[in-house]
Amino acid sequence: MEDCTNLPPSENEQAENEIFVPIKYNKQVLNLKLCEAQELAQKGMKFDTISKDYASLKDLALGCGKSVGEYIAHLQNEKTANRKTELLEKCGDEQLIEHILTLEGGSKDSLRGFDELHECFPKINTLEDLPQEVLDNAHLKGTLLLDEYLRYLHRQNTAAKDSIYAQKKAAVTATGSFKNTNGNASPETAEFLRGLWQK
């Protein structure tokens, strides 16, 4: 008979043995999958490195009576208006200017496929919501953000499955096989049974 300990786990076994990490957020306990917890931990560590910059940005926004999001939108609108004025001075064609502004504005997000990514994953609202690995790969390879994000999710999922499988295999190895391979009782078991029947 085939030894099942070397076979990969089935999808049902993976679902049953999936590792969840409980975290408390907004007075609720959420059970996150291992890959989700890893991603949030990475984002938390990233935030530690930019927290001072964010605090400064928040102070600037409060000074203007705006939220951080409103302040950033205000700066972007101001930049676009200044660029439009600059282009108007060089060329008076309003339609051409709008086309140039669309191309310039899209070079950061749209041309890399951010709009398509956001359509598929509505929870991702800005490039900051993406893992740095995804941004780096899209930039280096010139690929779409959606492609790189799907590859990233696949790698995370595979790593989580491998981790679960390794844990199960380690547990089986640590306890050893309980199967009686030769049909005879072990010497220890035989001695134990003999002891029970003796007076």
Protein backbone atom coordinates (compact mmCIF):
# COMPACT_ATOMS: atom_id res chain seq x y z
CA MET A 1 0.00 0.00 0.00
CA GLU A 2 1.25 3.50 -0.89
CA ASP A 3 2.57 5.72 1.90
CA CYS A 4 0.35 8.84 1.93
CA THR A 5 2.73 10.98 3.97
CA ASN A 6 4.67 11.99 0.85
CA LEU A 7 1.62 13.09 -1.14
CA PRO A 8 0.81 16.82 -1.35
CA PRO A 9 -2.24 17.86 0.69
CA SER A 10 -5.60 18.05 -1.08
CA GLU A 11 -7.47 21.36 -1.40
CA ASN A 12 -9.87 20.33 1.39
CA GLU A 13 -6.97 19.47 3.71
CA GLN A 14 -5.33 22.80 2.90
CA ALA A 15 -8.56 24.67 3.68
CA GLU A 16 -8.96 22.77 6.98
CA ASN A 17 -5.35 23.31 8.02
CA GLU A 18 -5.00 26.88 6.82
CA ILE A 19 -3.25 29.07 9.37
CA PHE A 20 -5.12 32.15 10.62
CA VAL A 21 -3.65 34.97 12.68
CA PRO A 22 -6.06 36.84 14.99
CA ILE A 23 -5.56 40.61 15.15
CA LYS A 24 -7.54 43.29 16.95
CA TYR A 25 -8.54 46.26 14.77
CA ASN A 26 -11.26 48.87 15.43
CA LYS A 27 -12.44 46.95 18.52
CA GLN A 28 -12.94 43.79 16.43
CA VAL A 29 -10.92 40.61 16.25
CA LEU A 30 -10.17 39.66 12.66
CA ASN A 31 -8.81 36.26 11.65
CA LEU A 32 -6.41 36.88 8.78
CA LYS A 33 -4.88 34.28 6.51
CA LEU A 34 -1.13 33.92 6.99
CA CYS A 35 -0.35 35.65 3.67
CA GLU A 36 -2.68 38.57 4.57
CA ALA A 37 -0.99 38.94 7.98
CA GLN A 38 2.43 38.93 6.28
CA GLU A 39 1.35 41.66 3.87
CA LEU A 40 -0.05 43.83 6.68
CA ALA A 41 3.12 43.34 8.72
CA GLN A 42 5.19 44.49 5.73
CA LYS A 43 2.96 47.55 5.34
CA GLY A 44 3.29 48.30 9.05
CA MET A 45 7.07 48.10 8.84
CA LYS A 46 7.01 50.35 5.77
CA PHE A 47 4.84 52.86 7.65
CA ASP A 48 7.43 53.03 10.43
CA THR A 49 9.95 54.32 7.90
CA ILE A 50 7.62 57.03 6.55
CA SER A 51 5.72 57.97 9.73
CA LYS A 52 7.73 61.18 10.26
CA ASP A 53 7.09 62.29 6.68
CA TYR A 54 3.41 61.49 7.07
CA ALA A 55 3.23 63.48 10.32
CA SER A 56 4.79 66.49 8.53
CA LEU A 57 2.36 66.10 5.64
CA LYS A 58 -0.55 65.91 8.10
CA ASP A 59 0.63 69.13 9.80
CA LEU A 60 0.84 70.90 6.43
CA ALA A 61 -2.64 69.69 5.52
CA LEU A 62 -4.09 70.80 8.87
CA GLY A 63 -2.46 74.21 8.37
CA CYS A 64 -4.52 74.56 5.19
CA GLY A 65 -7.68 73.23 6.85
CA LYS A 66 -7.65 70.04 4.79
CA SER A 67 -7.30 66.32 5.33
CA VAL A 68 -4.16 64.64 3.98
CA GLY A 69 -6.09 63.28 0.98
CA GLU A 70 -7.62 66.68 0.22
CA TYR A 71 -4.23 68.36 0.59
CA ILE A 72 -2.56 65.94 -1.84
CA ALA A 73 -5.43 66.40 -4.34
CA HIS A 74 -5.01 70.20 -3.94
CA LEU A 75 -1.27 69.95 -4.69
CA GLN A 76 -1.91 67.74 -7.72
CA ASN A 77 -4.56 70.15 -9.06
CA GLU A 78 -2.20 73.08 -8.49
CA LYS A 79 0.59 71.28 -10.35
CA THR A 80 -1.74 70.52 -13.27
CA ALA A 81 -2.93 74.15 -13.40
CA ASN A 82 0.66 75.43 -13.43
CA ARG A 83 1.62 72.99 -16.18
CA LYS A 84 -1.44 74.03 -18.21
CA THR A 85 -0.47 77.70 -17.89
CA GLU A 86 3.10 76.86 -18.95
CA LEU A 87 1.85 74.96 -22.02
CA LEU A 88 -0.62 77.72 -22.92
CA GLU A 89 2.27 80.18 -23.07
CA LYS A 90 4.17 77.92 -25.48
CA CYS A 91 1.26 76.81 -27.64
CA GLY A 92 -2.28 78.12 -27.79
CA ASP A 93 -3.95 74.87 -28.88
CA GLU A 94 -6.28 73.94 -26.00
CA GLN A 95 -7.02 70.47 -27.40
CA LEU A 96 -3.34 69.62 -27.77
CA ILE A 97 -2.65 70.85 -24.24
CA GLU A 98 -5.39 68.62 -22.80
CA HIS A 99 -3.92 65.67 -24.69
CA ILE A 100 -0.42 66.41 -23.35
CA LEU A 101 -1.75 66.73 -19.80
CA THR A 102 -3.60 63.42 -20.15
CA LEU A 103 -0.42 61.69 -21.31
CA GLU A 104 1.68 63.26 -18.55
CA GLY A 105 -0.88 62.45 -15.86
CA GLY A 106 -1.25 58.90 -17.11
CA SER A 107 2.43 58.12 -17.27
CA LYS A 108 2.56 57.38 -13.56
CA ASP A 109 -0.61 55.33 -13.11
CA SER A 110 -2.64 54.63 -16.24
CA LEU A 111 0.22 53.64 -18.54
CA ARG A 112 1.38 51.14 -15.93
CA GLY A 113 -2.16 49.79 -15.64
CA PHE A 114 -3.20 51.21 -12.27
CA ASP A 115 -6.75 51.91 -13.46
CA GLU A 116 -7.14 48.30 -14.59
CA LEU A 117 -5.68 47.04 -11.30
CA HIS A 118 -8.04 49.25 -9.27
CA GLU A 119 -10.98 47.97 -11.32
CA CYS A 120 -10.11 44.36 -10.42
CA PHE A 121 -9.10 45.15 -6.81
CA PRO A 122 -11.20 48.14 -5.64
CA LYS A 123 -9.56 48.13 -2.18
CA ILE A 124 -6.31 49.31 -3.81
CA ASN A 125 -6.83 53.05 -4.12
CA THR A 126 -3.28 54.33 -4.57
CA LEU A 127 0.15 53.03 -5.50
CA GLU A 128 1.00 53.21 -1.78
CA ASP A 129 -1.45 50.32 -1.18
CA LEU A 130 0.70 48.00 -3.29
CA PRO A 131 3.65 46.01 -1.97
CA GLN A 132 6.97 47.59 -2.96
CA GLU A 133 7.93 44.34 -4.68
CA VAL A 134 5.04 44.79 -7.15
CA LEU A 135 6.00 48.39 -7.93
CA ASP A 136 9.67 47.50 -8.36
CA ASN A 137 8.95 44.59 -10.69
CA ALA A 138 6.52 46.61 -12.82
CA HIS A 139 9.06 49.42 -13.09
CA LEU A 140 12.06 47.19 -13.85
CA LYS A 141 10.32 44.89 -16.32
CA GLY A 142 7.95 47.48 -17.81
CA THR A 143 4.97 45.20 -17.12
CA LEU A 144 1.46 46.14 -16.06
CA LEU A 145 0.73 46.54 -12.37
CA LEU A 146 -2.14 44.05 -12.56
CA ASP A 147 0.16 41.38 -13.99
CA GLU A 148 2.77 41.92 -11.28
CA TYR A 149 0.15 42.04 -8.50
CA LEU A 150 -1.39 38.75 -9.66
CA ARG A 151 2.09 37.19 -9.75
CA TYR A 152 2.71 38.53 -6.23
CA LEU A 153 -0.58 37.05 -4.93
CA HIS A 154 0.28 33.72 -6.55
CA ARG A 155 3.71 33.68 -4.87
CA GLN A 156 2.14 34.51 -1.49
CA ASN A 157 -0.48 31.79 -1.90
CA THR A 158 2.11 29.22 -2.94
CA ALA A 159 4.36 30.15 -0.01
CA ALA A 160 1.44 29.78 2.43
CA LYS A 161 0.54 26.35 1.00
CA ASP A 162 4.17 25.24 1.14
CA SER A 163 4.39 26.40 4.75
CA ILE A 164 1.27 24.44 5.74
CA TYR A 165 2.51 21.35 3.91
CA ALA A 166 5.94 21.61 5.58
CA GLN A 167 4.30 21.94 9.01
CA LYS A 168 2.16 18.86 8.40
CA LYS A 169 5.12 16.88 7.13
CA ALA A 170 7.21 17.95 10.14
CA ALA A 171 4.42 16.87 12.49
CA VAL A 172 4.24 13.43 10.84
CA THR A 173 8.04 13.08 10.94
CA ALA A 174 8.22 14.14 14.60
CA THR A 175 5.59 11.64 15.75
CA GLY A 176 6.67 8.86 13.39
CA SER A 177 4.37 6.48 11.62
CA PHE A 178 1.73 4.74 13.73
CA LYS A 179 1.23 2.11 11.08
CA ASN A 180 2.22 -1.46 12.04
CA THR A 181 4.18 -2.41 8.93
CA ASN A 182 5.02 -6.06 9.70
CA GLY A 183 1.74 -7.16 11.31
CA ASN A 184 3.49 -8.16 14.56
CA ALA A 185 3.32 -6.26 17.80
CA SER A 186 6.46 -4.44 18.85
CA PRO A 187 8.54 -6.08 21.63
CA GLU A 188 7.50 -3.30 24.01
CA THR A 189 3.80 -3.90 23.30
CA ALA A 190 4.18 -7.67 23.69
CA GLU A 191 5.97 -7.22 27.03
CA PHE A 192 3.28 -4.79 28.21
CA LEU A 193 0.49 -7.25 27.32
CA ARG A 194 2.33 -10.12 29.02
CA GLY A 195 2.62 -8.01 32.17
CA LEU A 196 -1.12 -7.36 32.22
CA TRP A 197 -1.97 -11.09 32.28
CA GLN A 198 0.57 -12.13 34.87
CA LYS A 199 -0.35 -12.09 38.52
